[in-house]
Protein backbone atom coordinates (compact mmCIF):
# COMPACT_ATOMS: atom_id res chain seq x y z
CA MET A 1 75.44 105.46 85.73
CA THR A 2 76.32 101.90 86.64
CA TYR A 3 78.23 98.89 86.57
CA GLY A 4 80.19 97.71 83.44
CA ASP A 5 81.22 94.36 81.82
CA THR A 6 80.97 90.63 82.21
CA ASP A 7 84.31 90.52 83.89
CA GLN A 8 84.00 87.88 86.39
CA GLU A 9 87.28 79.55 90.76
CA ASP A 10 87.77 76.96 92.22
CA SER A 11 91.39 76.27 92.44
CA CYS A 12 93.55 74.95 95.31
CA MET A 13 96.19 77.52 94.30
CA THR A 14 94.16 80.72 95.09
CA SER A 15 94.56 83.17 97.89
CA THR A 16 91.81 84.53 100.11
CA LYS A 17 91.44 87.83 98.12
CA THR A 18 89.42 88.14 95.06
CA SER A 19 89.87 90.38 91.99
CA PRO A 20 87.68 93.03 90.33
CA ALA A 21 86.96 90.37 87.76
CA ARG A 22 85.09 88.52 90.54
CA SER A 23 87.51 85.65 90.77
CA ARG A 24 90.06 84.31 93.15
CA ARG A 25 93.67 85.27 92.51
CA LEU A 26 96.78 83.10 92.19
CA THR A 27 100.19 84.66 93.00
CA VAL A 28 103.12 82.58 91.68
CA ARG A 29 106.70 83.75 91.70
CA SER A 30 108.00 80.89 89.65
CA VAL A 31 107.96 81.44 85.89
CA THR A 32 108.04 77.65 85.51
CA ARG A 33 104.79 77.24 87.46
CA TRP A 34 103.24 80.04 85.37
CA ALA A 35 104.19 78.30 82.18
CA SER A 36 102.73 75.05 83.50
CA ALA A 37 99.50 76.75 84.33
CA LEU A 38 99.23 78.29 80.81
CA ALA A 39 99.99 74.87 79.33
CA VAL A 40 97.13 73.32 81.26
CA LEU A 41 94.84 76.16 80.28
CA LEU A 42 95.73 75.87 76.65
CA SER A 43 95.19 72.07 76.69
CA LEU A 44 91.63 72.65 77.93
CA ALA A 45 90.79 74.33 74.64
CA PHE A 46 91.20 70.96 72.93
CA VAL A 47 89.13 68.91 75.32
CA ALA A 48 86.29 71.31 76.26
CA GLN A 49 83.04 70.56 74.52
CA ALA A 50 79.95 72.79 74.26
CA HIS A 51 76.56 71.29 74.76
CA ALA A 52 73.97 71.50 71.99
CA LEU A 53 71.84 74.60 72.08
CA PRO A 54 68.20 73.59 72.71
CA VAL A 55 65.61 75.73 70.90
CA VAL A 56 61.88 75.66 71.44
CA GLN A 57 59.64 76.88 68.68
CA ASN A 58 55.92 76.33 69.14
CA GLY A 59 53.62 78.71 67.25
CA ASP A 60 54.21 82.24 68.66
CA LEU A 61 56.64 80.91 71.24
CA THR A 62 60.35 80.70 70.76
CA MET A 63 62.90 80.07 73.44
CA SER A 64 66.61 79.43 73.53
CA VAL A 65 69.13 78.55 76.25
CA GLY A 66 72.85 79.65 76.20
CA GLY A 67 75.93 79.83 78.43
CA LEU A 68 79.31 81.28 78.72
CA ILE A 69 82.47 79.98 80.51
CA GLN A 70 85.72 81.94 80.47
CA ALA A 71 88.98 81.02 82.20
CA MET A 72 92.14 83.18 81.87
CA GLY A 73 95.82 83.02 82.85
CA GLU A 74 97.82 86.19 83.26
CA MET A 75 101.42 87.20 83.98
CA GLU A 76 102.57 90.78 84.42
CA TYR A 77 105.73 92.68 85.31
CA VAL A 78 105.11 95.46 87.85
CA SER A 79 107.45 97.55 90.04
CA ASP A 80 109.31 95.66 92.80
CA GLY A 81 107.19 95.41 95.91
CA VAL A 82 108.16 95.40 99.58
CA LYS A 83 107.32 91.67 99.99
CA SER A 84 107.34 90.39 96.35
CA ASN A 85 109.38 90.56 93.18
CA ALA A 86 108.14 92.24 90.03
CA ILE A 87 106.76 89.22 88.26
CA ARG A 88 103.15 88.43 89.27
CA ALA A 89 100.86 85.79 87.94
CA TYR A 90 97.13 85.10 88.26
CA VAL A 91 94.40 82.74 87.15
CA TRP A 92 91.04 84.44 86.67
CA ASN A 93 87.65 82.72 86.39
CA ILE A 94 85.99 85.48 84.36
CA ALA A 95 82.53 84.17 83.55
CA ASP A 96 80.20 81.32 84.56
CA ASN A 97 76.94 82.53 82.98
CA ILE A 98 73.78 80.95 81.77
CA TYR A 99 70.87 82.68 80.16
CA THR A 100 67.47 82.08 78.47
CA SER A 101 65.85 84.25 75.91
CA GLY A 102 62.83 84.16 73.69
CA SER A 103 59.65 85.77 72.51
CA TYR A 104 55.89 85.19 72.64
CA GLU A 105 53.44 87.10 70.45
CA GLY A 106 55.99 89.93 70.03
CA TYR A 107 57.03 90.16 73.60
CA ALA A 108 60.77 89.35 73.95
CA TRP A 109 62.68 88.58 77.15
CA ARG A 110 66.17 87.70 78.37
CA LEU A 111 67.28 86.38 81.75
CA GLU A 112 70.98 85.98 82.47
CA THR A 113 72.70 85.13 85.69
CA ALA A 114 76.25 84.40 86.94
CA PHE A 115 77.39 81.43 89.09
CA GLY A 116 80.42 80.46 91.10
CA GLY A 117 83.24 82.93 91.33
CA ALA A 118 81.39 85.12 88.91
CA ALA A 119 78.64 85.71 91.47
CA ASN A 120 81.01 86.93 94.25
CA ALA A 121 80.45 90.42 95.36
CA ASN A 122 81.75 90.75 98.95
CA GLY A 123 80.80 93.88 100.79
CA THR A 124 77.53 94.48 98.98
CA ASN A 125 73.94 93.90 100.04
CA GLY A 126 73.89 90.50 98.40
CA LEU A 127 75.30 88.41 95.64
CA LEU A 128 75.15 90.62 92.58
CA ASN A 129 74.86 87.71 90.15
CA LEU A 130 71.77 88.94 88.16
CA LEU A 131 72.75 90.36 84.82
CA ASP A 132 70.04 90.76 82.18
CA ALA A 133 66.45 90.46 83.45
CA TYR A 134 64.08 92.28 81.10
CA VAL A 135 61.09 92.11 78.81
CA ASP A 136 60.60 94.14 75.66
CA VAL A 137 57.01 95.33 75.29
CA PRO A 138 56.09 96.23 71.71
CA LEU A 139 54.44 99.64 71.28
CA ILE A 140 54.74 100.30 67.54
CA GLN A 141 55.31 97.19 65.35
CA ASP A 142 58.88 97.19 64.05
CA GLY A 143 59.34 100.69 65.24
CA LEU A 144 59.18 101.22 69.01
CA TYR A 145 59.25 99.09 72.15
CA LEU A 146 59.61 99.58 75.91
CA LYS A 147 62.34 97.67 77.71
CA VAL A 148 61.48 97.03 81.38
CA GLY A 149 63.76 95.40 84.02
CA GLN A 150 67.50 95.20 84.39
CA PHE A 151 69.70 95.71 81.41
CA LYS A 152 73.12 97.11 80.41
CA ASP A 153 73.37 100.94 79.83
CA PRO A 154 73.77 101.41 76.08
CA THR A 155 75.62 104.79 76.48
CA ASN A 156 79.16 103.45 76.32
CA LEU A 157 80.16 101.29 73.37
CA GLU A 158 83.00 99.58 75.24
CA SER A 159 80.93 98.79 78.30
CA ALA A 160 77.91 97.65 76.34
CA THR A 161 79.91 95.06 74.41
CA ASP A 162 78.70 91.51 75.02
CA HIS A 163 81.46 89.67 76.76
CA SER A 164 81.03 86.60 74.66
CA ALA A 165 81.65 88.61 71.47
CA MET A 166 84.91 90.37 72.34
CA LEU A 167 88.21 90.63 70.50
CA PHE A 168 90.17 90.64 73.72
CA THR A 169 90.16 88.82 77.11
CA GLU A 170 88.20 91.66 78.71
CA LYS A 171 87.42 95.27 78.20
CA SER A 172 90.21 97.85 78.53
CA PRO A 173 90.98 97.94 82.28
CA ASP A 174 92.02 101.68 82.17
CA PHE A 175 89.09 102.75 80.07
CA ASN A 176 86.72 100.72 82.29
CA LEU A 177 88.12 102.25 85.45
CA PHE A 178 87.39 105.79 84.15
CA PHE A 179 84.15 105.18 82.20
CA ASN A 180 82.63 102.04 83.52
CA SER A 181 78.91 101.71 82.68
CA GLY A 182 76.91 98.55 83.17
CA TYR A 183 73.61 97.03 84.36
CA GLU A 184 70.63 99.15 85.52
CA MET A 185 67.16 98.55 86.76
CA GLY A 186 64.76 100.85 84.86
CA LEU A 187 62.75 101.28 81.75
CA ALA A 188 63.78 102.55 78.31
CA PHE A 189 62.08 103.45 75.08
CA VAL A 190 63.88 101.93 72.09
CA GLY A 191 63.02 102.80 68.56
CA HIS A 192 64.20 103.13 65.03
CA ALA A 193 63.06 104.94 61.83
CA GLY A 194 64.83 103.99 58.72
CA ASN A 195 68.59 104.07 59.43
CA PHE A 196 68.12 106.08 62.62
CA ASP A 197 67.89 104.53 66.04
CA SER A 198 67.66 105.76 69.56
CA SER A 199 67.00 104.90 73.21
CA LEU A 200 65.89 107.05 76.06
CA GLY A 201 65.68 105.59 79.56
CA ILE A 202 65.32 106.30 83.24
CA VAL A 203 67.10 104.00 85.66
CA GLN A 204 67.58 103.31 89.36
CA GLY A 205 71.22 104.39 89.43
CA ALA A 206 72.54 101.31 91.31
CA PRO A 207 71.74 97.68 91.04
CA ASN A 208 72.32 96.91 94.74
CA LEU A 209 69.96 99.63 95.92
CA PRO A 210 67.65 97.73 98.32
CA GLN A 211 64.25 99.01 99.22
CA ARG A 212 65.32 100.61 102.48
CA TYR A 213 67.74 102.72 100.46
CA LEU A 214 65.25 104.02 97.95
CA PRO A 215 65.88 107.78 97.76
CA GLU A 216 64.16 109.52 100.63
CA GLN A 217 64.82 112.92 99.16
CA LEU A 218 65.13 113.10 95.37
CA TYR A 219 67.27 115.62 93.52
CA LEU A 220 66.83 116.31 89.85
CA PRO A 221 67.84 115.17 87.29
CA LEU A 222 67.04 111.55 88.00
CA PRO A 223 69.40 109.06 86.39
CA LEU A 224 68.74 109.36 82.67
CA PHE A 225 70.50 107.99 79.62
CA LEU A 226 70.20 108.71 75.82
CA ARG A 227 71.69 107.02 72.80
CA ILE A 228 70.92 108.26 69.34
CA GLY A 229 72.59 107.75 65.96
CA TYR A 230 72.66 106.58 62.40
CA SER A 231 73.47 103.11 61.11
CA ASN A 232 74.10 101.97 57.56
CA GLY A 233 73.99 98.18 57.79
CA ILE A 234 75.27 97.54 61.33
CA ALA A 235 72.16 96.46 63.18
CA GLU A 236 73.62 95.31 66.51
CA ASP A 237 71.47 95.34 69.61
CA MET A 238 72.59 98.47 71.37
CA PHE A 239 72.31 96.65 74.68
CA HIS A 240 74.56 93.77 73.48
CA GLN A 241 77.16 95.25 71.18
CA ARG A 242 79.57 92.87 69.34
CA GLN A 243 83.21 93.21 68.33
CA THR A 244 83.27 89.73 66.70
CA GLY A 245 80.88 86.94 65.88
CA PHE A 246 78.74 89.05 63.61
CA LYS A 247 77.62 88.14 60.08
CA ALA A 248 80.39 88.96 57.63
CA PRO A 249 79.30 91.95 55.51
CA ASP A 250 79.18 91.97 51.67
CA GLN A 251 79.65 95.74 51.56
CA VAL A 252 80.92 98.54 53.74
CA GLU A 253 78.73 99.04 56.87
CA TYR A 254 79.06 101.82 59.46
CA ALA A 255 77.35 103.43 62.38
CA VAL A 256 77.80 106.67 64.37
CA HIS A 257 76.13 107.44 67.76
CA LEU A 258 76.03 110.14 70.45
CA ASN A 259 75.57 109.04 74.02
CA GLY A 260 74.87 110.65 77.38
CA PHE A 261 74.12 109.83 80.99
CA VAL A 262 73.24 112.23 83.81
CA ALA A 263 72.32 111.89 87.45
CA ALA A 264 72.13 114.05 90.56
CA ASN A 265 73.11 112.65 93.93
CA SER A 266 70.17 112.01 96.30
CA ASP A 267 69.65 111.00 99.90
CA ALA A 268 69.11 107.23 100.13
CA GLY A 269 68.50 105.97 103.59
CA HIS A 270 71.68 106.08 105.58
CA SER A 271 73.64 106.74 102.41
CA THR A 272 73.48 108.51 99.09
CA LEU A 273 72.82 107.42 95.49
CA PHE A 274 76.45 108.02 94.43
CA SER A 275 77.75 106.03 97.53
CA GLN A 276 75.69 103.12 96.25
CA MET A 277 76.85 103.58 92.67
CA GLY A 278 80.60 103.50 93.53
CA GLY A 279 80.69 101.67 96.80
CA GLY A 280 81.62 98.33 95.33
CA ILE A 281 84.92 99.63 94.00
CA LYS A 282 86.19 99.71 97.62
CA GLN A 283 86.00 95.90 97.75
CA PHE A 284 88.88 93.73 96.60
CA SER A 285 86.31 91.61 94.82
CA TYR A 286 84.93 94.64 92.97
CA ASN A 287 82.30 93.48 90.45
CA GLN A 288 82.70 95.50 87.28
CA ASP A 289 79.53 94.10 85.75
CA TYR A 290 77.79 96.57 87.90
CA ASN A 291 78.60 100.05 89.10
CA GLY A 292 81.50 102.31 89.91
CA ASN A 293 84.15 104.35 88.25
CA VAL A 294 86.65 106.93 89.42
CA LEU A 295 84.05 109.82 89.57
CA THR A 296 81.44 107.90 91.60
CA SER A 297 83.85 106.23 94.13
CA SER A 298 85.28 107.87 97.27
CA VAL A 299 88.41 105.77 96.69
CA PHE A 300 89.30 108.13 93.84
CA ASN A 301 86.93 111.14 94.14
CA PRO A 302 88.08 113.13 97.20
CA TYR A 303 84.81 115.18 97.20
CA LEU A 304 82.95 112.07 98.10
CA SER A 305 85.33 110.90 100.79
CA TYR A 306 85.59 113.54 103.49
CA THR A 307 83.63 113.15 106.66
CA SER A 308 81.23 115.87 107.74
CA ALA A 309 78.24 116.73 109.83
CA GLY A 310 75.98 115.69 106.87
CA GLU A 311 76.18 114.23 103.53
CA PRO A 312 76.58 116.84 100.67
CA VAL A 313 74.11 115.58 98.14
CA SER A 314 74.11 118.60 95.79
CA ALA A 315 76.38 116.74 93.38
CA LEU A 316 75.98 116.09 89.64
CA TYR A 317 77.60 113.38 87.51
CA TYR A 318 77.42 113.02 83.81
CA GLN A 319 79.22 111.05 81.02
CA GLY A 320 79.02 111.83 77.32
CA SER A 321 80.58 110.13 74.30
CA ILE A 322 80.63 109.79 70.54
CA ASP A 323 81.33 106.33 69.01
CA PHE A 324 81.57 104.84 65.52
CA GLN A 325 81.78 101.35 64.03
CA LEU A 326 82.88 100.30 60.54
CA ARG A 327 83.04 96.94 58.83
CA ALA A 328 84.25 96.05 55.34
CA PRO A 329 84.67 92.76 53.38
CA LEU A 330 88.19 91.72 52.44
CA SER A 331 89.37 89.03 50.13
CA ASN A 332 89.37 85.33 51.01
CA GLY A 333 86.33 85.69 53.30
CA LYS A 334 87.99 88.02 55.78
CA THR A 335 86.39 91.11 57.32
CA PHE A 336 87.99 94.32 58.47
CA ALA A 337 86.36 96.02 61.47
CA LEU A 338 87.10 99.31 63.08
CA GLN A 339 85.50 101.02 66.08
CA GLY A 340 86.35 103.85 68.43
CA GLN A 341 84.91 106.29 70.92
CA GLY A 342 85.83 109.54 72.60
CA SER A 343 84.43 110.08 76.17
CA ILE A 344 84.16 112.71 78.80
CA GLY A 345 83.21 112.37 82.46
CA HIS A 346 82.25 115.25 84.78
CA PHE A 347 81.48 115.52 88.49
CA ASP A 348 80.72 118.68 90.44
CA THR A 349 79.41 119.56 93.96
CA THR A 350 78.72 122.55 96.05
CA VAL A 351 79.32 122.14 99.71
CA GLN A 352 76.15 123.16 101.66
CA ALA A 353 76.16 125.04 104.93
CA GLY A 354 76.08 122.61 107.83
CA ASP A 355 77.94 119.93 105.86
CA THR A 356 81.32 120.92 107.11
CA ASN A 357 83.29 121.33 110.28
CA ALA A 358 86.61 122.88 111.19
CA SER A 359 88.57 119.65 110.62
CA ASP A 360 87.20 118.82 107.19
CA LYS A 361 89.86 118.96 104.36
CA ILE A 362 90.00 118.06 100.72
CA LEU A 363 93.43 117.54 99.16
CA GLY A 364 95.00 119.31 102.15
CA GLN A 365 92.70 122.32 102.00
CA PRO A 366 89.92 123.28 104.41
CA VAL A 367 86.47 122.64 103.07
CA VAL A 368 84.49 125.83 102.77
CA ALA A 369 80.71 125.94 102.75
CA GLY A 370 79.46 127.42 99.48
CA ASN A 371 82.57 126.46 97.50
CA SER A 372 82.07 124.41 94.36
CA TYR A 373 84.39 121.61 93.40
CA SER A 374 84.54 119.81 90.07
CA LEU A 375 86.40 117.00 88.24
CA ASN A 376 86.71 116.31 84.52
CA ILE A 377 88.24 113.25 82.82
CA PHE A 378 88.75 112.44 79.16
CA GLY A 379 89.37 109.23 77.25
CA ALA A 380 89.52 107.70 73.81
CA GLU A 381 89.73 104.21 72.41
CA LEU A 382 90.37 102.74 68.93
CA ILE A 383 90.03 99.08 68.03
CA ALA A 384 90.90 97.56 64.69
CA SER A 385 90.65 93.85 63.65
CA ILE A 386 90.87 91.44 60.71
CA GLN A 387 88.56 88.43 61.18
CA ASP A 388 87.78 85.24 59.46
CA PRO A 389 85.89 82.10 60.78
CA VAL A 390 89.09 80.63 62.32
CA TRP A 391 91.54 83.47 63.07
CA THR A 392 91.09 86.96 64.41
CA TRP A 393 93.84 89.56 64.70
CA ALA A 394 93.12 92.64 66.70
CA LEU A 395 94.78 95.83 68.08
CA ARG A 396 93.33 98.13 70.87
CA LEU A 397 94.66 101.60 71.66
CA ALA A 398 93.17 103.28 74.70
CA MET A 399 94.01 106.50 76.55
CA VAL A 400 92.62 108.21 79.67
CA ILE A 401 93.49 111.52 81.26
CA PRO A 402 93.03 111.87 85.04
CA ASP A 403 91.96 115.12 86.60
CA ALA A 404 94.42 116.78 88.97
CA GLY A 405 91.73 116.42 91.70
CA LEU A 406 91.92 112.69 91.46
CA GLN A 407 95.55 112.76 92.73
CA GLY A 408 94.72 112.19 96.32
CA GLN A 409 92.25 111.66 99.06
CA TYR A 410 91.95 112.18 102.78
CA THR A 411 90.98 109.19 104.98
CA ALA A 412 89.42 109.19 108.43
CA THR A 413 92.90 109.50 109.88
CA SER A 414 93.64 112.57 107.68
CA ALA A 415 96.46 110.67 105.97
CA PHE A 416 97.06 112.03 102.44
CA VAL A 417 97.46 109.44 99.71
CA ASN A 418 98.43 109.91 96.04
CA ILE A 419 96.04 108.03 93.78
CA PHE A 420 97.71 109.09 90.53
CA ALA A 421 101.32 110.25 90.60
CA ASN A 422 100.62 112.73 87.84
CA THR A 423 97.91 113.86 85.28
CA ASN A 424 99.77 112.60 82.23
CA PRO A 425 97.71 110.44 79.95
CA ILE A 426 97.58 106.70 80.79
CA TRP A 427 98.05 104.67 77.64
CA GLU A 428 97.24 101.07 76.74
CA VAL A 429 98.32 99.22 73.60
CA THR A 430 97.04 95.69 73.26
CA PRO A 431 97.57 93.33 70.26
CA ALA A 432 95.59 90.13 70.37
CA VAL A 433 94.95 86.97 68.34
CA SER A 434 92.12 84.55 68.71
CA TYR A 435 91.73 81.01 67.38
CA ASN A 436 88.28 79.49 66.98
CA LEU A 437 88.52 75.78 67.39
CA ASN A 438 84.87 75.58 66.38
CA ARG A 439 81.83 77.84 66.80
CA PHE A 440 81.68 77.09 70.54
CA VAL A 441 85.39 77.17 71.71
CA LYS A 442 87.79 80.07 71.34
CA VAL A 443 91.29 80.70 72.68
CA THR A 444 92.41 84.34 72.91
CA THR A 445 96.08 85.40 73.48
CA GLU A 446 97.13 89.08 74.06
CA VAL A 447 99.84 91.18 75.40
CA MET A 448 98.73 94.40 77.10
CA PHE A 449 101.30 97.22 77.28
CA MET A 450 100.49 99.94 79.82
CA PHE A 451 102.31 103.29 80.06
CA ASN A 452 102.20 105.60 83.04
CA ALA A 453 100.04 102.96 84.71
CA PRO A 454 99.12 103.66 88.34
CA GLU A 455 100.16 100.96 90.80
CA ALA A 456 99.34 100.47 94.54
CA GLN A 457 101.41 98.91 97.25
CA ASP A 458 99.67 96.27 99.31
CA ASP A 459 101.10 94.00 102.06
CA ASP A 460 101.99 91.25 99.55
CA GLY A 461 103.19 93.29 96.61
CA ASN A 462 102.29 95.87 93.98
CA TYR A 463 99.12 95.86 91.99
CA VAL A 464 97.89 97.60 88.80
CA ILE A 465 95.09 99.80 90.07
CA ALA A 466 93.07 99.41 86.90
CA GLU A 467 92.87 95.65 87.53
CA MET A 468 92.33 95.88 91.28
CA PRO A 469 90.84 99.38 92.08
CA SER A 470 90.35 98.70 95.78
CA THR A 471 94.13 98.66 96.34
CA ALA A 472 94.20 102.38 95.66
CA SER A 473 92.46 102.83 99.07
CA SER A 474 94.65 103.57 102.12
CA THR A 475 91.83 102.75 104.61
CA GLY A 476 92.92 99.18 104.96
CA SER A 477 95.53 98.01 107.50
CA THR A 478 97.63 96.37 104.73
CA TYR A 479 98.36 99.61 102.84
CA LEU A 480 102.14 100.40 102.94
CA GLY A 481 102.74 103.58 100.99
CA SER A 482 101.94 106.05 98.32
CA ASN A 483 101.04 104.84 94.88
CA ILE A 484 103.27 104.83 91.81
CA ALA A 485 102.87 105.57 88.12
CA ALA A 486 104.90 102.90 86.43
CA ASN A 487 106.51 103.94 83.13
CA PHE A 488 105.85 100.50 81.63
CA VAL A 489 103.81 97.47 82.66
CA PRO A 490 103.57 94.50 80.24
CA ILE A 491 100.72 92.00 80.85
CA GLY A 492 100.44 88.73 78.98
CA ARG A 493 97.15 86.80 78.93
CA MET A 494 95.64 83.71 77.53
CA MET A 495 91.93 82.95 77.76
CA LEU A 496 89.71 79.94 77.03
CA GLN A 497 86.14 80.64 76.11
CA VAL A 498 83.32 78.11 75.78
CA SER A 499 80.02 79.63 74.65
CA PHE A 500 76.77 78.17 73.40
C-alpha cells in the first residue's frame, strides 16, 4: 500500500498547524475576509503566466521540463465548536512541483519533486518531497518494460490520477481517507498485448522506510500489486491517469481494469511495516501523496493501536477494486467522459501469545491471545463530465462504508474515543466547473456536499476528519471530546492551477 495524491504557503495569515494537503491553514471567521481572499485568488488567474516549456531533442535523446502550481481557497460550514463558530475558511497551497522527463535509446525516465509547503511532512524521517523518480527499462520492444524506482501505485484509479489533470480541486477526501494509495519504491513489469495491458510489481511498502527500518523479519506476502484489464482506445499511462486534458476522441473509447494490492505486516527495526505505512496520518501535516488510510493507521484501526509486550505482526492488509473509463465525442467539439470504481479494503490480525497483558483492551474488550480480529470497508465512486477546450462541467458521487470496528480506539490512558459515530455510508456529492484561460492556466470552482461526515473537536474548533485525519486522534492535549457525524457539511472551493 502507500501514499495517495498530489495534495499538497507562504502567507502572513496562516496558523502554526498544517493540513493533510501539506499546506498551512488560515482560519477566518469573517465572511467578508473570506470573500476578499477569494477575490484575490480569482484575480491571480488573470495575471499568472506560465513559462515556455523547454524541450531538448538531439538524436536519440529527448527531454522536457514541466511544473505545477496550485493554490486553493475554501469555506465550509461545520458543527459549532467549543471555541469557534460553524463557518471555517482556509487557504491551501496544494502543489509546488517541478519535474523532468525524457528518453534515451528507448530508456525513459521521470523525476518529480515538490517544494515549499508541498514538501512539508512533519513527524516523518525527513522531507517527503520526492514524488516520481524512476526509469523504464525496455525488455520487449513496444510490449514489455521494467519500471524501477519510485512511482505511484496504479491499483486505484482515483489515487493514480495525475493531479494536474483533474476535474476537481483534489481527489475525494472521503474516498482518499479510506482507500488512499500513492508513491512506492520498487519495481514493476508493465506490458501490453493488443488491447490488453497489465502491471505486476513488488514494492517497499512505505516511502519513508529508512535503511535502519528495513524489515528484520519478513512475513509473506511481501507488498505486491497487480493491475490488469482491457482498453479500447483509452491509452493513458496507468501510473498517471487523466480525468481531463486528454486528446478529444472521435469515437467511443472505454477501458475496464481489475486491481489488487496485498501485504503482510513485518518487523522493521523498532517498528513494523504497517506502522510506517500509516504513521504519517497521525500528523496534522499528513502528506497524502504518500502512505496511510484508515486500515493502516492506528488513529482509526484499533488493532494497531493497543500497547502490549510485543508488536503483533501477523497482520494482513489487502485492497481490491474494479474500475472503468468511457469517453465519447459530442457535438460542437465537446467530449463526454465517465469513470467509476468499486473498492474493498480488508485487514485482519491474530494476536500471538506473548503479545498481550492483562490490561490490554480493544474497543473495551480484553485482548485474548489466539483471537482473530478483522476489518472490512467498502466504497464506490462515479465521475461524469462534459469537456471542451475552454469549459469543463463535472459531477462526482462518492460513498464509503466504515467497519463497526473503526468506531473507536483505546489510547495509552485507556480513554475510549468514537472515530465514526455510526457505520452508515458517508456520502459526497461534488459539482464542479473549470475555466481554462489558456493551455497553462485553469480556474476550478466546486461545491462539495458531505453527508454523515465525521468531524473531530480540537481546541480551536471542529474539523472534517477526511480533510484533517490527525484530528481524529485523542492522544493530543488539545482534544476536547468525542467525534461527531454531521448530517450535512457544505464545502465551497476555488482553485487556481498553473501548469506547464
